[in-house]
């Protein structure tokens, strides 16, 4: 059976990767002004998702 620490690291890394992909896509949508959502909101949401992804990567790196 998989250990809890390893499972936690894997889950945090997977969520971080997914969050960073969505964040980068929102920033790209905002930069090219694709009419999905307003440019300012798209850039803000993308930046928040990238920040969340970085925080998750840092947290998963410091789990022993």
N, C-alpha and C. Protein backbone atom coordinates (compact mmCIF):
# COMPACT_ATOMS: atom_id res chain seq x y z
N UNK A 1 0.83 -1.18 0.00
CA UNK A 1 0.00 0.00 0.00
C UNK A 1 0.88 1.24 0.00
N UNK A 2 0.41 2.29 -0.66
CA UNK A 2 1.17 3.52 -0.79
C UNK A 2 1.17 4.30 0.52
N UNK A 3 2.29 4.90 0.84
CA UNK A 3 2.39 5.65 2.08
C UNK A 3 1.64 6.98 1.95
N UNK A 4 1.22 7.49 3.09
CA UNK A 4 0.44 8.73 3.11
C UNK A 4 1.28 9.92 2.65
N UNK A 5 2.54 9.97 3.04
CA UNK A 5 3.41 11.09 2.67
C UNK A 5 3.64 11.10 1.16
N UNK A 6 3.90 9.95 0.60
CA UNK A 6 4.11 9.87 -0.85
C UNK A 6 2.85 10.23 -1.61
N UNK A 7 1.72 9.76 -1.12
CA UNK A 7 0.43 10.09 -1.75
C UNK A 7 0.16 11.59 -1.69
N UNK A 8 0.47 12.21 -0.55
CA UNK A 8 0.28 13.65 -0.41
C UNK A 8 1.16 14.42 -1.38
N UNK A 9 2.41 14.02 -1.51
CA UNK A 9 3.31 14.68 -2.45
C UNK A 9 2.82 14.55 -3.89
N UNK A 10 2.36 13.36 -4.25
CA UNK A 10 1.88 13.13 -5.61
C UNK A 10 0.63 13.96 -5.90
N UNK A 11 -0.29 14.00 -4.95
CA UNK A 11 -1.53 14.77 -5.15
C UNK A 11 -1.22 16.26 -5.24
N UNK A 12 -0.36 16.78 -4.36
CA UNK A 12 -0.01 18.20 -4.42
C UNK A 12 0.69 18.55 -5.72
N UNK A 13 1.56 17.68 -6.20
CA UNK A 13 2.25 17.93 -7.45
C UNK A 13 1.28 17.91 -8.63
N UNK A 14 0.36 16.95 -8.63
CA UNK A 14 -0.62 16.88 -9.73
C UNK A 14 -1.51 18.12 -9.75
N UNK A 15 -1.98 18.55 -8.59
CA UNK A 15 -2.82 19.75 -8.53
C UNK A 15 -2.02 20.97 -8.94
N UNK A 16 -0.75 21.03 -8.56
CA UNK A 16 0.11 22.14 -8.97
C UNK A 16 0.31 22.20 -10.47
N UNK A 17 0.52 21.06 -11.09
CA UNK A 17 0.71 21.02 -12.55
C UNK A 17 -0.57 21.45 -13.26
N UNK A 18 -1.70 20.93 -12.82
CA UNK A 18 -2.97 21.30 -13.45
C UNK A 18 -3.24 22.79 -13.26
N UNK A 19 -2.98 23.31 -12.07
CA UNK A 19 -3.20 24.73 -11.80
C UNK A 19 -2.28 25.61 -12.64
N UNK A 20 -1.04 25.20 -12.81
CA UNK A 20 -0.13 26.01 -13.62
C UNK A 20 -0.51 25.99 -15.09
N UNK A 21 -0.99 24.87 -15.59
CA UNK A 21 -1.42 24.80 -17.00
C UNK A 21 -2.61 25.72 -17.23
N UNK A 22 -3.59 25.66 -16.33
CA UNK A 22 -4.75 26.55 -16.47
C UNK A 22 -4.35 28.01 -16.30
N UNK A 23 -3.44 28.29 -15.37
CA UNK A 23 -2.99 29.67 -15.17
C UNK A 23 -2.29 30.23 -16.39
N UNK A 24 -1.42 29.44 -16.98
CA UNK A 24 -0.71 29.89 -18.19
C UNK A 24 -1.70 30.11 -19.33
N UNK A 25 -2.69 29.22 -19.44
CA UNK A 25 -3.66 29.39 -20.53
C UNK A 25 -4.51 30.64 -20.33
N UNK A 26 -4.88 30.96 -19.07
CA UNK A 26 -5.64 32.19 -18.82
C UNK A 26 -4.80 33.42 -19.12
N UNK A 27 -3.52 33.39 -18.79
CA UNK A 27 -2.65 34.53 -19.09
C UNK A 27 -2.51 34.70 -20.60
N UNK A 28 -2.36 33.61 -21.33
CA UNK A 28 -2.26 33.68 -22.79
C UNK A 28 -3.55 34.22 -23.39
N UNK A 29 -4.69 33.76 -22.87
CA UNK A 29 -5.97 34.29 -23.36
C UNK A 29 -6.07 35.79 -23.10
N UNK A 30 -5.58 36.23 -21.95
CA UNK A 30 -5.62 37.66 -21.65
C UNK A 30 -4.66 38.46 -22.51
N UNK A 31 -3.49 37.91 -22.81
CA UNK A 31 -2.51 38.65 -23.62
C UNK A 31 -2.97 38.83 -25.07
N UNK A 32 -3.59 37.80 -25.62
CA UNK A 32 -4.04 37.89 -27.00
C UNK A 32 -5.43 38.48 -27.14
N UNK A 33 -6.04 38.84 -26.01
CA UNK A 33 -7.35 39.49 -25.98
C UNK A 33 -8.41 38.66 -26.70
N UNK A 34 -8.40 37.37 -26.42
CA UNK A 34 -9.43 36.47 -26.96
C UNK A 34 -10.70 36.70 -26.15
N UNK A 35 -11.83 36.90 -26.79
CA UNK A 35 -13.04 37.32 -26.06
C UNK A 35 -13.69 36.19 -25.26
N UNK A 36 -12.93 35.60 -24.34
CA UNK A 36 -13.46 34.56 -23.47
C UNK A 36 -13.99 35.21 -22.19
N UNK A 37 -13.12 35.93 -21.51
CA UNK A 37 -13.49 36.80 -20.40
C UNK A 37 -12.67 38.08 -20.57
N UNK A 38 -13.00 39.16 -19.87
CA UNK A 38 -12.24 40.41 -20.04
C UNK A 38 -10.75 40.22 -19.78
N UNK A 39 -9.95 41.05 -20.44
CA UNK A 39 -8.50 40.92 -20.41
C UNK A 39 -7.95 41.03 -18.99
N UNK A 40 -8.43 41.99 -18.24
CA UNK A 40 -7.93 42.20 -16.88
C UNK A 40 -8.27 41.01 -15.98
N UNK A 41 -9.50 40.52 -16.09
CA UNK A 41 -9.92 39.38 -15.26
C UNK A 41 -9.16 38.12 -15.63
N UNK A 42 -8.93 37.91 -16.90
CA UNK A 42 -8.20 36.73 -17.35
C UNK A 42 -6.77 36.73 -16.83
N UNK A 43 -6.11 37.87 -16.89
CA UNK A 43 -4.74 37.98 -16.40
C UNK A 43 -4.70 37.79 -14.89
N UNK A 44 -5.68 38.34 -14.18
CA UNK A 44 -5.72 38.22 -12.73
C UNK A 44 -5.94 36.76 -12.31
N UNK A 45 -6.88 36.09 -12.94
CA UNK A 45 -7.15 34.68 -12.61
C UNK A 45 -5.94 33.81 -12.94
N UNK A 46 -5.33 34.06 -14.08
CA UNK A 46 -4.15 33.29 -14.47
C UNK A 46 -2.99 33.49 -13.50
N UNK A 47 -2.77 34.72 -13.06
CA UNK A 47 -1.70 34.99 -12.11
C UNK A 47 -1.97 34.32 -10.77
N UNK A 48 -3.22 34.34 -10.34
CA UNK A 48 -3.57 33.66 -9.08
C UNK A 48 -3.34 32.16 -9.18
N UNK A 49 -3.73 31.56 -10.29
CA UNK A 49 -3.53 30.12 -10.45
C UNK A 49 -2.05 29.75 -10.50
N UNK A 50 -1.24 30.58 -11.13
CA UNK A 50 0.20 30.33 -11.16
C UNK A 50 0.79 30.47 -9.76
N UNK A 51 0.33 31.45 -9.01
CA UNK A 51 0.78 31.60 -7.62
C UNK A 51 0.40 30.42 -6.75
N UNK A 52 -0.81 29.92 -6.92
CA UNK A 52 -1.26 28.74 -6.18
C UNK A 52 -0.40 27.53 -6.55
N UNK A 53 -0.10 27.39 -7.83
CA UNK A 53 0.73 26.26 -8.27
C UNK A 53 2.13 26.34 -7.65
N UNK A 54 2.71 27.54 -7.63
CA UNK A 54 4.04 27.68 -7.02
C UNK A 54 4.01 27.36 -5.53
N UNK A 55 2.95 27.79 -4.85
CA UNK A 55 2.83 27.48 -3.42
C UNK A 55 2.71 25.98 -3.19
N UNK A 56 1.94 25.31 -4.03
CA UNK A 56 1.80 23.86 -3.89
C UNK A 56 3.11 23.13 -4.16
N UNK A 57 3.88 23.59 -5.15
CA UNK A 57 5.17 22.99 -5.43
C UNK A 57 6.12 23.17 -4.25
N UNK A 58 6.11 24.35 -3.63
CA UNK A 58 6.98 24.60 -2.49
C UNK A 58 6.57 23.75 -1.30
N UNK A 59 5.26 23.65 -1.06
CA UNK A 59 4.79 22.82 0.05
C UNK A 59 5.15 21.36 -0.16
N UNK A 60 4.98 20.86 -1.37
CA UNK A 60 5.30 19.46 -1.63
C UNK A 60 6.80 19.19 -1.57
N UNK A 61 7.61 20.21 -1.84
CA UNK A 61 9.06 20.02 -1.78
C UNK A 61 9.54 19.92 -0.33
N UNK A 62 8.87 20.57 0.60
CA UNK A 62 9.31 20.57 1.98
C UNK A 62 8.65 19.49 2.83
N UNK A 63 7.81 18.65 2.24
CA UNK A 63 7.29 17.50 2.97
C UNK A 63 8.40 16.46 3.04
N UNK A 64 8.73 16.00 4.23
CA UNK A 64 9.86 15.05 4.35
C UNK A 64 9.59 13.71 3.70
